[in-house]
């Protein structure tokens, strides 16, 4: 009988089994992955997370499969078994992010088409041996047309301000010919910046109750190859698709969660806004995706800790006042509380193991030190460090204490840094060297919240209540009182300051075109893009990220 490689791993409560296709050879400590999944990576931004998730969707469409796969894990505790390949699009990526001669030659003095093509192809042959781009002469009537097309597609780059290597840069995922794998300069899949966080996003959507409706929307609005952007990318990139991978999807431990359903609902809400071009929807889509993933991180932490209380709320500072004022202080304190939760959750996960009969048996054994080492290696993929005394093995208690210290004090790419980086990228968190870190929303983040939550005009107070109940976001005194479960006399910040904070949100929404005040007592949050007449008449413009 074959022994399962992953069957001995310590699992979180109600977690699905780790599939045998999951290669854990590089994992040195299992705790974080058992609680949250394999993996949430801090250097993978919400933008790249959405791109990676769409890689899976595009691959399934090419294979003739539905966007989402039937889920049996709720009943059987079995994880999805999904394999996918990633598009390379090497020639297109070279043209967009590495070639600098095409624009120089196009802007030169020569008007001889043949000479311009030859001058450029000579530089390609000289500088990039083996790269064949001669087909572009057949795709474009003039060299200038080709150069302008390249220049136009470069405007579709996402996170253009980042200093990533050229093989890790990406453009808007508006078709299969606009996708790139994350590779090194030899086209080997090293996943430096796309390291499974998008797989976690895909799995969250795949386990949502609305996945069938969402799958149809994704296929209709995101997976088509007929968009002008994709057609242009295909002309520049060539007609022979190449891919890399046969990648097995990562591990997401919980079979069902309210965060999965809320995430899918938000995607459905955005993709249903047919009056907004899909290229303009991708920015709010990545912001709400990042928001729901950091909520998932907090909710999983809270469930693992075991306290029967709601997740501590996000308190957003809208005032932006300088100094350590009560509003900023409350926001910063909430951020510190959130960061501490992952450490507590890992401790609670280890505590569950420490209270098991299995570990009690090790402690009672005469050979406990050796048995502890073997058991911790089996359950957590961990071994203690080298002992200063080679003739004495650390006691079981010392081994578990060392494991706990390493798990709770990770200095690398931890779930805590993933939480912080996601919150910064989506525009919910601000950090200043002299002032600290606190929750303060950008205009683009506020816009995303309106687009996904407002259809018909919504009273401002109802909008605030929805943000609290759906995302644990609080701003004004009523929501703060409810979320912190205190009386008005015991609010964590002065009542007058909280009212000013709420009024500042109202002002910002009004400036953005998302609020209509009817009288002193009545204001409505509106989504002009949900109204076909308003959306097509230019009543408002999306905020540029």
Protein backbone atom coordinates (compact mmCIF):
# COMPACT_ATOMS: atom_id res chain seq x y z
CA UNK A 1 0.00 0.00 0.00
CA UNK A 2 1.41 3.41 -1.04
CA UNK A 3 1.98 5.88 1.80
CA UNK A 4 0.54 9.30 1.19
CA UNK A 5 3.15 12.04 1.24
CA UNK A 6 0.84 14.70 2.66
CA UNK A 7 -1.60 12.73 4.77
CA UNK A 8 0.31 13.28 8.04
CA UNK A 9 0.27 17.07 7.93
CA UNK A 10 -1.35 18.92 10.82
CA UNK A 11 -4.56 20.49 9.48
CA UNK A 12 -6.57 23.42 10.72
CA UNK A 13 -10.07 22.78 12.04
CA UNK A 14 -12.49 21.73 9.27
CA UNK A 15 -9.74 21.96 6.64
CA UNK A 16 -9.75 19.88 3.48
CA UNK A 17 -6.96 17.40 2.95
CA UNK A 18 -3.80 18.48 1.17
CA UNK A 19 -3.82 16.87 -2.29
CA UNK A 20 -1.03 14.53 -3.26
CA UNK A 21 -0.29 16.73 -6.26
CA UNK A 22 0.87 19.46 -3.86
CA UNK A 23 4.66 19.54 -3.91
CA UNK A 24 5.84 20.63 -0.47
CA UNK A 25 9.53 19.84 -0.91
CA UNK A 26 10.53 23.50 -0.42
CA UNK A 27 8.31 24.07 2.64
CA UNK A 28 10.31 24.25 5.86
CA UNK A 29 7.50 25.18 8.26
CA UNK A 30 3.86 24.29 7.62
CA UNK A 31 1.96 26.36 10.21
CA UNK A 32 1.07 29.45 8.17
CA UNK A 33 0.01 27.43 5.12
CA UNK A 34 -2.20 25.17 7.23
CA UNK A 35 -4.18 28.15 8.52
CA UNK A 36 -4.40 30.39 5.44
CA UNK A 37 -3.28 28.39 2.40
CA UNK A 38 -0.35 27.86 0.08
CA UNK A 39 0.19 30.61 -0.48
CA UNK A 40 -0.47 34.31 0.08
CA UNK A 41 2.71 36.10 -1.03
CA UNK A 42 3.56 39.62 0.08
CA UNK A 43 5.41 40.63 -3.10
CA UNK A 44 2.48 39.64 -5.30
CA UNK A 45 0.26 42.70 -5.59
CA UNK A 46 -3.54 42.49 -6.00
CA UNK A 47 -3.01 43.44 -9.66
CA UNK A 48 -0.76 40.43 -10.27
CA UNK A 49 -3.13 38.33 -8.17
CA UNK A 50 -6.00 39.06 -10.57
CA UNK A 51 -3.75 38.44 -13.58
CA UNK A 52 -2.69 35.06 -12.22
CA UNK A 53 -6.29 34.07 -11.50
CA UNK A 54 -7.26 34.99 -15.06
CA UNK A 55 -4.42 32.82 -16.38
CA UNK A 56 -6.31 29.85 -14.93
CA UNK A 57 -9.61 31.06 -16.39
CA UNK A 58 -8.11 31.55 -19.86
CA UNK A 59 -6.45 28.12 -19.76
CA UNK A 60 -9.73 26.43 -18.86
CA UNK A 61 -11.51 28.22 -21.70
CA UNK A 62 -8.85 27.09 -24.19
CA UNK A 63 -9.27 23.53 -22.93
CA UNK A 64 -13.03 23.75 -23.46
CA UNK A 65 -13.78 23.55 -19.72
CA UNK A 66 -16.10 25.82 -17.75
CA UNK A 67 -14.37 28.69 -15.97
CA UNK A 68 -14.96 27.08 -12.59
CA UNK A 69 -14.80 23.41 -11.74
CA UNK A 70 -17.47 21.53 -9.76
CA UNK A 71 -16.60 21.54 -6.07
CA UNK A 72 -16.90 18.39 -4.00
CA UNK A 73 -14.65 19.44 -1.12
CA UNK A 74 -17.50 20.59 1.13
CA UNK A 75 -18.90 17.07 1.34
CA UNK A 76 -15.78 14.94 0.81
CA UNK A 77 -12.94 17.06 2.28
CA UNK A 78 -11.11 16.58 -1.02
CA UNK A 79 -9.28 19.51 -2.58
CA UNK A 80 -9.74 20.54 -6.21
CA UNK A 81 -7.20 18.99 -8.59
CA UNK A 82 -6.52 21.67 -11.20
CA UNK A 83 -3.58 21.91 -13.57
CA UNK A 84 -2.94 24.82 -15.91
CA UNK A 85 -0.38 26.29 -18.27
CA UNK A 86 0.66 29.93 -18.60
CA UNK A 87 1.08 31.91 -21.80
CA UNK A 88 4.61 33.13 -22.57
CA UNK A 89 4.02 35.74 -25.32
CA UNK A 90 7.78 36.26 -25.40
CA UNK A 91 7.91 38.34 -28.60
CA UNK A 92 5.20 40.74 -27.41
CA UNK A 93 6.82 41.16 -24.01
CA UNK A 94 10.15 41.92 -25.71
CA UNK A 95 8.55 44.59 -27.89
CA UNK A 96 6.78 46.24 -24.98
CA UNK A 97 9.36 46.10 -22.22
CA UNK A 98 12.82 45.50 -23.70
CA UNK A 99 13.06 46.96 -27.20
CA UNK A 100 13.90 50.68 -27.16
CA UNK A 101 15.07 50.99 -30.76
CA UNK A 102 11.70 50.81 -32.47
CA UNK A 103 10.54 54.21 -31.17
CA UNK A 104 13.94 55.82 -31.80
CA UNK A 105 14.00 54.66 -35.41
CA UNK A 106 10.35 55.63 -35.94
CA UNK A 107 11.13 59.16 -34.72
CA UNK A 108 14.27 59.43 -36.86
CA UNK A 109 14.81 61.42 -40.04
CA UNK A 110 14.56 58.55 -42.50
CA UNK A 111 11.32 58.16 -44.47
CA UNK A 112 12.48 55.12 -46.42
CA UNK A 113 10.27 52.28 -45.16
CA UNK A 114 12.59 49.52 -46.29
CA UNK A 115 15.56 51.22 -44.66
CA UNK A 116 13.72 51.72 -41.36
CA UNK A 117 12.61 48.10 -41.21
CA UNK A 118 16.13 46.89 -42.07
CA UNK A 119 17.81 49.18 -39.54
CA UNK A 120 15.54 47.93 -36.78
CA UNK A 121 15.82 44.23 -37.71
CA UNK A 122 19.60 44.59 -37.80
CA UNK A 123 19.59 45.85 -34.19
CA UNK A 124 17.38 42.91 -33.17
CA UNK A 125 19.77 40.42 -34.81
CA UNK A 126 22.77 42.12 -33.22
CA UNK A 127 21.42 42.50 -29.69
CA UNK A 128 19.03 39.54 -29.35
CA UNK A 129 20.41 36.52 -31.17
CA UNK A 130 17.75 34.02 -32.17
CA UNK A 131 14.81 36.40 -31.78
CA UNK A 132 12.81 36.39 -35.02
CA UNK A 133 10.57 39.41 -35.53
CA UNK A 134 10.49 39.63 -39.31
CA UNK A 135 6.83 38.61 -39.35
CA UNK A 136 5.94 42.13 -38.21
CA UNK A 137 6.60 43.41 -41.75
CA UNK A 138 3.67 41.31 -42.91
CA UNK A 139 1.42 42.44 -40.05
CA UNK A 140 1.86 46.20 -40.50
CA UNK A 141 1.81 48.29 -43.66
CA UNK A 142 4.43 50.72 -42.38
CA UNK A 143 7.13 50.79 -39.74
CA UNK A 144 5.49 53.85 -38.20
CA UNK A 145 2.19 51.99 -37.79
CA UNK A 146 3.98 49.18 -35.98
CA UNK A 147 5.83 51.63 -33.72
CA UNK A 148 2.63 53.49 -32.84
CA UNK A 149 0.92 50.18 -32.03
CA UNK A 150 3.73 49.25 -29.65
CA UNK A 151 3.56 52.66 -28.04
CA UNK A 152 -0.21 52.34 -27.59
CA UNK A 153 0.03 48.90 -25.97
CA UNK A 154 2.68 50.18 -23.59
CA UNK A 155 0.03 52.48 -22.11
CA UNK A 156 -1.82 49.35 -20.96
CA UNK A 157 0.98 48.35 -18.58
CA UNK A 158 -0.12 47.71 -15.03
CA UNK A 159 2.01 49.01 -12.14
CA UNK A 160 4.20 50.84 -14.64
CA UNK A 161 5.91 52.68 -11.78
CA UNK A 162 7.39 49.46 -10.34
CA UNK A 163 11.00 48.55 -11.05
CA UNK A 164 10.47 44.89 -11.93
CA UNK A 165 12.59 42.97 -14.42
CA UNK A 166 11.20 43.02 -17.95
CA UNK A 167 10.11 39.36 -17.74
CA UNK A 168 7.87 40.20 -14.74
CA UNK A 169 6.05 43.17 -16.26
CA UNK A 170 2.45 42.87 -17.39
CA UNK A 171 -0.32 44.65 -19.25
CA UNK A 172 -4.07 44.68 -18.67
CA UNK A 173 -5.42 41.10 -19.05
CA UNK A 174 -7.94 41.91 -21.78
CA UNK A 175 -7.47 38.72 -23.78
CA UNK A 176 -5.33 35.58 -24.02
CA UNK A 177 -2.73 37.36 -26.16
CA UNK A 178 -2.15 39.95 -23.41
CA UNK A 179 -1.05 37.44 -20.74
CA UNK A 180 2.53 36.69 -19.72
CA UNK A 181 3.98 34.05 -17.41
CA UNK A 182 6.36 35.20 -14.67
CA UNK A 183 9.67 33.80 -15.94
CA UNK A 184 13.40 34.47 -15.82
CA UNK A 185 15.47 35.61 -18.79
CA UNK A 186 15.70 32.01 -20.00
CA UNK A 187 11.89 31.66 -20.09
CA UNK A 188 11.97 29.30 -17.13
CA UNK A 189 8.98 29.62 -14.79
CA UNK A 190 10.51 30.93 -11.55
CA UNK A 191 7.39 32.78 -10.26
CA UNK A 192 9.33 35.60 -8.65
CA UNK A 193 6.27 37.85 -8.31
CA UNK A 194 3.33 35.60 -9.26
CA UNK A 195 3.52 32.97 -6.54
CA UNK A 196 0.06 31.44 -6.12
CA UNK A 197 -1.85 34.33 -4.51
CA UNK A 198 -3.86 34.40 -7.74
CA UNK A 199 -4.48 30.70 -7.34
CA UNK A 200 -5.90 31.43 -3.89
CA UNK A 201 -8.16 34.07 -5.47
CA UNK A 202 -9.34 31.60 -8.11
CA UNK A 203 -10.04 28.92 -5.48
CA UNK A 204 -11.98 31.38 -3.33
CA UNK A 205 -14.17 32.22 -6.33
CA UNK A 206 -14.43 28.56 -7.30
CA UNK A 207 -15.90 27.71 -3.90
CA UNK A 208 -18.40 30.57 -3.87
CA UNK A 209 -22.09 29.81 -4.24
CA UNK A 210 -22.36 32.25 -7.18
CA UNK A 211 -19.54 30.66 -9.18
CA UNK A 212 -21.76 29.57 -12.10
CA UNK A 213 -23.20 33.05 -12.66
CA UNK A 214 -19.76 34.58 -12.17
CA UNK A 215 -18.18 32.11 -14.59
CA UNK A 216 -20.57 33.20 -17.33
CA UNK A 217 -19.79 36.87 -16.66
CA UNK A 218 -16.02 36.27 -16.68
CA UNK A 219 -16.24 34.37 -19.94
CA UNK A 220 -18.40 37.01 -21.56
CA UNK A 221 -16.52 40.11 -20.37
CA UNK A 222 -12.92 39.03 -19.76
CA UNK A 223 -12.04 35.92 -21.74
CA UNK A 224 -12.90 36.97 -25.29
CA UNK A 225 -10.14 37.37 -27.88
CA UNK A 226 -12.02 39.89 -30.03
CA UNK A 227 -11.28 43.09 -28.09
CA UNK A 228 -9.31 45.72 -30.05
CA UNK A 229 -6.55 45.55 -27.44
CA UNK A 230 -6.16 41.79 -27.75
CA UNK A 231 -6.26 41.89 -31.56
CA UNK A 232 -3.46 44.43 -31.55
CA UNK A 233 -1.44 42.37 -29.06
CA UNK A 234 -1.86 39.30 -31.26
CA UNK A 235 -0.55 41.17 -34.32
CA UNK A 236 2.57 42.29 -32.46
CA UNK A 237 3.11 39.02 -30.59
CA UNK A 238 2.72 36.66 -33.52
CA UNK A 239 0.31 33.85 -34.22
CA UNK A 240 2.13 30.90 -32.63
CA UNK A 241 1.12 30.67 -28.94
CA UNK A 242 3.67 29.23 -26.55
CA UNK A 243 3.09 28.29 -22.94
CA UNK A 244 4.98 27.06 -19.94
CA UNK A 245 4.01 25.14 -16.86
CA UNK A 246 1.65 22.23 -16.15
CA UNK A 247 1.22 23.90 -12.80
CA UNK A 248 -0.78 22.24 -10.03
CA UNK A 249 -2.93 24.74 -8.20
CA UNK A 250 -2.10 25.67 -4.59
CA UNK A 251 -3.83 24.69 -1.36
CA UNK A 252 -6.75 26.59 0.20
CA UNK A 253 -7.72 24.90 3.49
CA UNK A 254 -11.34 25.94 4.13
CA UNK A 255 -14.07 24.44 1.96
CA UNK A 256 -16.55 27.29 2.41
CA UNK A 257 -16.45 30.78 3.87
CA UNK A 258 -18.58 33.90 3.76
CA UNK A 259 -15.58 35.78 2.37
CA UNK A 260 -15.66 33.55 -0.72
CA UNK A 261 -19.30 34.44 -1.33
CA UNK A 262 -18.78 38.17 -0.73
CA UNK A 263 -15.81 38.14 -3.10
CA UNK A 264 -17.86 36.49 -5.86
CA UNK A 265 -20.76 38.87 -5.24
CA UNK A 266 -18.42 41.84 -5.66
CA UNK A 267 -17.04 40.44 -8.93
CA UNK A 268 -20.58 39.88 -10.20
CA UNK A 269 -21.57 43.42 -9.22
CA UNK A 270 -18.63 44.97 -11.07
CA UNK A 271 -18.75 42.80 -14.18
CA UNK A 272 -22.49 43.52 -14.44
CA UNK A 273 -21.77 47.24 -14.96
CA UNK A 274 -22.03 46.96 -18.71
CA UNK A 275 -21.81 50.72 -19.27
CA UNK A 276 -18.21 50.76 -18.08
CA UNK A 277 -15.60 49.37 -20.51
CA UNK A 278 -14.02 46.29 -19.03
CA UNK A 279 -10.55 47.84 -19.14
CA UNK A 280 -11.85 50.46 -16.67
CA UNK A 281 -13.38 47.82 -14.41
CA UNK A 282 -10.13 45.98 -13.78
CA UNK A 283 -8.82 48.59 -11.35
CA UNK A 284 -11.82 48.42 -8.96
CA UNK A 285 -11.84 44.65 -9.47
CA UNK A 286 -8.29 44.26 -8.18
CA UNK A 287 -9.04 46.60 -5.25
CA UNK A 288 -12.09 44.69 -4.00
CA UNK A 289 -10.23 41.41 -4.59
CA UNK A 290 -7.37 42.62 -2.41
CA UNK A 291 -9.83 43.84 0.21
CA UNK A 292 -11.62 40.49 0.38
CA UNK A 293 -8.32 38.62 0.62
CA UNK A 294 -7.15 40.69 3.60
CA UNK A 295 -10.57 40.17 5.19
CA UNK A 296 -10.11 36.44 4.62
CA UNK A 297 -6.72 36.64 6.36
CA UNK A 298 -8.29 38.33 9.40
CA UNK A 299 -11.33 36.07 9.52
CA UNK A 300 -9.19 32.92 9.33
CA UNK A 301 -7.02 34.31 12.12
CA UNK A 302 -10.06 35.02 14.27
CA UNK A 303 -11.51 31.56 13.65
CA UNK A 304 -8.21 29.93 14.56
CA UNK A 305 -7.77 32.00 17.71
CA UNK A 306 -11.25 30.85 18.68
CA UNK A 307 -12.65 34.02 20.23
CA UNK A 308 -16.38 34.20 19.61
CA UNK A 309 -16.22 37.89 18.64
CA UNK A 310 -16.29 39.74 15.29
CA UNK A 311 -13.14 40.71 13.47
CA UNK A 312 -11.80 44.04 14.82
CA UNK A 313 -13.00 46.72 12.40
CA UNK A 314 -10.99 48.80 9.95
CA UNK A 315 -11.26 52.41 11.07
CA UNK A 316 -10.57 54.75 8.14
CA UNK A 317 -9.04 58.15 8.73
CA UNK A 318 -10.69 60.56 6.28
CA UNK A 319 -9.57 63.75 8.00
CA UNK A 320 -5.90 63.48 7.15
CA UNK A 321 -5.06 65.90 9.93
CA UNK A 322 -1.36 66.15 10.87
CA UNK A 323 0.07 64.84 14.09
CA UNK A 324 -0.99 62.07 16.44
CA UNK A 325 -4.63 63.17 16.59
CA UNK A 326 -7.37 60.88 18.01
CA UNK A 327 -8.66 59.82 14.56
CA UNK A 328 -5.26 58.80 13.21
CA UNK A 329 -4.34 57.18 16.52
CA UNK A 330 -7.47 55.01 16.47
CA UNK A 331 -6.82 54.00 12.87
CA UNK A 332 -3.18 53.15 13.61
CA UNK A 333 -4.17 51.13 16.69
CA UNK A 334 -6.58 49.07 14.61
CA UNK A 335 -3.84 48.34 12.10
CA UNK A 336 -1.51 47.20 14.89
CA UNK A 337 -4.28 44.96 16.25
CA UNK A 338 -4.81 43.40 12.84
CA UNK A 339 -1.11 42.72 12.37
CA UNK A 340 -0.90 40.95 15.72
CA UNK A 341 -3.74 38.56 14.87
CA UNK A 342 -1.73 36.35 12.55
CA UNK A 343 0.87 35.74 15.26
CA UNK A 344 -1.88 34.85 17.74
CA UNK A 345 -3.51 32.54 15.20
CA UNK A 346 -0.29 30.62 14.57
CA UNK A 347 0.14 30.27 18.33
CA UNK A 348 -3.40 28.95 18.68
CA UNK A 349 -2.82 26.46 15.83
CA UNK A 350 0.27 25.12 17.61
CA UNK A 351 -1.61 25.07 20.93
CA UNK A 352 -4.23 22.76 19.39
CA UNK A 353 -1.49 20.31 18.48
CA UNK A 354 0.18 20.68 21.88
CA UNK A 355 -3.04 19.70 23.66
CA UNK A 356 -3.55 16.57 21.54
CA UNK A 357 -3.31 13.02 22.88
CA UNK A 358 -0.64 12.36 20.29
CA UNK A 359 1.69 14.99 21.75
CA UNK A 360 0.86 13.92 25.31
CA UNK A 361 2.03 10.44 24.38
CA UNK A 362 5.34 11.84 23.15
CA UNK A 363 5.84 13.75 26.40
CA UNK A 364 5.24 10.56 28.40
CA UNK A 365 7.60 8.43 26.33
CA UNK A 366 11.11 7.50 27.42
CA UNK A 367 12.24 8.19 23.84
CA UNK A 368 10.28 11.42 23.69
CA UNK A 369 13.03 13.59 22.19
CA UNK A 370 13.45 11.38 19.11
CA UNK A 371 9.70 10.81 18.78
CA UNK A 372 9.08 14.55 19.05
CA UNK A 373 11.56 15.29 16.28
CA UNK A 374 9.94 12.73 13.98
CA UNK A 375 6.41 13.85 14.80
CA UNK A 376 7.12 17.55 14.30
CA UNK A 377 8.78 16.75 10.98
CA UNK A 378 5.72 14.78 9.91
CA UNK A 379 3.08 17.24 11.12
CA UNK A 380 4.84 20.56 10.43
CA UNK A 381 7.65 19.74 7.96
CA UNK A 382 10.05 21.18 10.52
CA UNK A 383 13.22 20.09 12.26
CA UNK A 384 15.00 21.83 15.14
CA UNK A 385 18.25 23.68 14.64
CA UNK A 386 21.61 22.16 15.37
CA UNK A 387 22.06 21.54 19.10
CA UNK A 388 25.14 23.05 20.78
CA UNK A 389 25.60 19.64 22.39
CA UNK A 390 25.74 17.03 19.57
CA UNK A 391 25.31 14.23 22.11
CA UNK A 392 22.06 15.61 23.52
CA UNK A 393 18.84 15.99 21.57
CA UNK A 394 16.54 18.86 22.63
CA UNK A 395 13.61 17.85 24.81
CA UNK A 396 10.11 17.70 23.26
CA UNK A 397 9.17 20.89 25.12
CA UNK A 398 12.25 22.71 23.81
CA UNK A 399 11.59 21.52 20.26
CA UNK A 400 7.99 22.72 20.31
CA UNK A 401 9.06 26.04 21.83
CA UNK A 402 11.63 26.50 19.06
CA UNK A 403 9.02 25.67 16.44
CA UNK A 404 6.64 28.19 17.96
CA UNK A 405 9.30 30.91 18.02
CA UNK A 406 10.22 30.37 14.39
CA UNK A 407 6.58 30.27 13.27
CA UNK A 408 5.58 33.42 15.14
CA UNK A 409 8.69 35.47 14.36
CA UNK A 410 9.08 34.90 10.65
CA UNK A 411 11.30 37.55 9.06
CA UNK A 412 10.59 36.51 5.49
CA UNK A 413 7.53 36.66 3.28
CA UNK A 414 4.95 36.11 6.01
CA UNK A 415 1.16 36.34 6.02
CA UNK A 416 1.50 39.48 8.16
CA UNK A 417 3.48 41.31 5.48
CA UNK A 418 1.04 40.04 2.84
CA UNK A 419 -1.79 41.66 4.80
CA UNK A 420 0.04 44.98 5.02
CA UNK A 421 1.20 45.05 1.40
CA UNK A 422 -2.24 44.17 0.04
CA UNK A 423 -3.82 46.94 2.12
CA UNK A 424 -1.28 49.46 0.79
CA UNK A 425 -1.69 48.38 -2.83
CA UNK A 426 -5.48 48.69 -2.85
CA UNK A 427 -5.32 52.20 -1.41
CA UNK A 428 -6.63 51.50 2.09
CA UNK A 429 -3.41 51.85 4.09
CA UNK A 430 -0.97 54.75 4.29
CA UNK A 431 2.55 54.67 5.67
CA UNK A 432 4.80 57.64 6.44
CA UNK A 433 8.24 57.34 7.92
CA UNK A 434 7.67 60.03 10.54
CA UNK A 435 4.00 59.33 11.26
CA UNK A 436 3.56 55.55 11.23
CA UNK A 437 1.00 53.43 9.40
CA UNK A 438 -2.76 53.81 9.47
CA UNK A 439 -5.90 53.20 7.41
CA UNK A 440 -6.60 56.13 5.07
CA UNK A 441 -8.47 55.45 1.81
CA UNK A 442 -7.50 56.72 -1.62
CA UNK A 443 -10.09 58.11 -4.04
CA UNK A 444 -9.77 55.00 -6.21
CA UNK A 445 -10.49 52.76 -3.21
CA UNK A 446 -13.59 54.79 -2.29
CA UNK A 447 -14.73 54.62 -5.89
CA UNK A 448 -14.42 50.83 -5.90
CA UNK A 449 -16.58 50.60 -2.77
CA UNK A 450 -19.30 52.70 -4.41
CA UNK A 451 -19.24 50.86 -7.73
CA UNK A 452 -19.57 47.47 -6.11
CA UNK A 453 -22.18 48.34 -3.47
CA UNK A 454 -24.49 50.98 -4.93
CA UNK A 455 -27.07 50.41 -7.63
CA UNK A 456 -30.03 52.67 -6.93
CA UNK A 457 -29.45 55.80 -4.81
CA UNK A 458 -28.59 54.75 -1.24
CA UNK A 459 -28.96 56.93 1.82
CA UNK A 460 -25.57 57.96 3.13
CA UNK A 461 -26.25 56.34 6.52
CA UNK A 462 -27.24 53.09 4.82
CA UNK A 463 -24.00 53.17 2.82
CA UNK A 464 -21.97 53.53 6.01
CA UNK A 465 -23.88 50.65 7.59
CA UNK A 466 -23.25 48.45 4.56
CA UNK A 467 -19.52 49.11 4.69
CA UNK A 468 -19.53 48.06 8.34
CA UNK A 469 -21.58 44.88 7.92
CA UNK A 470 -19.94 43.76 4.67
CA UNK A 471 -16.29 44.76 5.07
CA UNK A 472 -15.90 45.68 8.78
CA UNK A 473 -15.10 49.25 7.66
CA UNK A 474 -16.19 52.01 10.04
CA UNK A 475 -15.93 55.78 9.69
CA UNK A 476 -18.58 57.71 11.67
CA UNK A 477 -19.78 57.60 15.31
CA UNK A 478 -22.78 55.29 14.85
CA UNK A 479 -20.79 52.56 13.15
CA UNK A 480 -17.86 52.97 15.55
CA UNK A 481 -20.23 52.60 18.51
CA UNK A 482 -21.76 49.44 17.02
CA UNK A 483 -18.49 47.87 15.86
CA UNK A 484 -16.67 48.49 19.14
CA UNK A 485 -19.80 47.60 21.14
CA UNK A 486 -19.57 50.65 23.39
CA UNK A 487 -21.89 53.42 24.52
CA UNK A 488 -21.61 56.86 22.98
CA UNK A 489 -19.98 58.10 26.17
CA UNK A 490 -17.21 55.50 25.80
CA UNK A 491 -16.29 55.96 22.13
CA UNK A 492 -12.61 55.28 21.32
CA UNK A 493 -12.31 58.78 19.80
CA UNK A 494 -14.09 62.08 20.54
CA UNK A 495 -17.61 62.26 19.15
CA UNK A 496 -16.96 65.59 17.41
CA UNK A 497 -13.90 64.17 15.63
CA UNK A 498 -15.83 61.09 14.47
CA UNK A 499 -18.58 63.33 13.08
CA UNK A 500 -15.95 65.39 11.24
CA UNK A 501 -14.47 62.17 9.86
CA UNK A 502 -17.90 61.17 8.54
CA UNK A 503 -18.49 64.61 7.02
CA UNK A 504 -15.12 64.41 5.28
CA UNK A 505 -16.15 61.15 3.62
CA UNK A 506 -19.33 62.84 2.43
CA UNK A 507 -17.29 65.71 0.98
CA UNK A 508 -14.94 63.39 -0.86
CA UNK A 509 -17.77 61.35 -2.34
CA UNK A 510 -19.45 64.55 -3.50
CA UNK A 511 -16.28 65.75 -5.24
CA UNK A 512 -15.91 62.33 -6.92
CA UNK A 513 -19.48 62.58 -8.23
CA UNK A 514 -20.85 59.82 -6.02
CA UNK A 515 -23.00 61.81 -3.58
CA UNK A 516 -26.12 63.91 -4.01
CA UNK A 517 -27.26 65.96 -0.99
CA UNK A 518 -30.96 66.75 -1.20
CA UNK A 519 -31.23 68.75 2.04
CA UNK A 520 -29.49 69.24 5.36
CA UNK A 521 -30.94 65.93 6.57
CA UNK A 522 -30.83 63.83 3.42
CA UNK A 523 -27.88 62.76 1.27
CA UNK A 524 -27.69 59.86 -1.17
CA UNK A 525 -24.70 57.88 -2.44
CA UNK A 526 -25.17 57.35 -6.17
CA UNK A 527 -23.50 55.20 -8.80
CA UNK A 528 -23.87 57.13 -12.07
CA UNK A 529 -22.31 54.27 -14.00
CA UNK A 530 -25.20 51.99 -13.06
CA UNK A 531 -27.65 54.28 -14.87
CA UNK A 532 -27.37 53.78 -18.64
CA UNK A 533 -28.37 57.36 -19.42
CA UNK A 534 -25.96 58.92 -16.95
CA UNK A 535 -23.15 56.52 -17.76
CA UNK A 536 -23.23 57.15 -21.49
CA UNK A 537 -23.71 60.89 -21.23
CA UNK A 538 -20.47 61.44 -19.33
CA UNK A 539 -22.06 62.40 -16.00
CA UNK A 540 -18.96 61.13 -14.21
CA UNK A 541 -15.53 59.78 -14.95
CA UNK A 542 -13.75 56.90 -13.30
CA UNK A 543 -10.84 57.86 -11.06
CA UNK A 544 -7.51 56.90 -12.58
CA UNK A 545 -5.39 54.81 -10.26
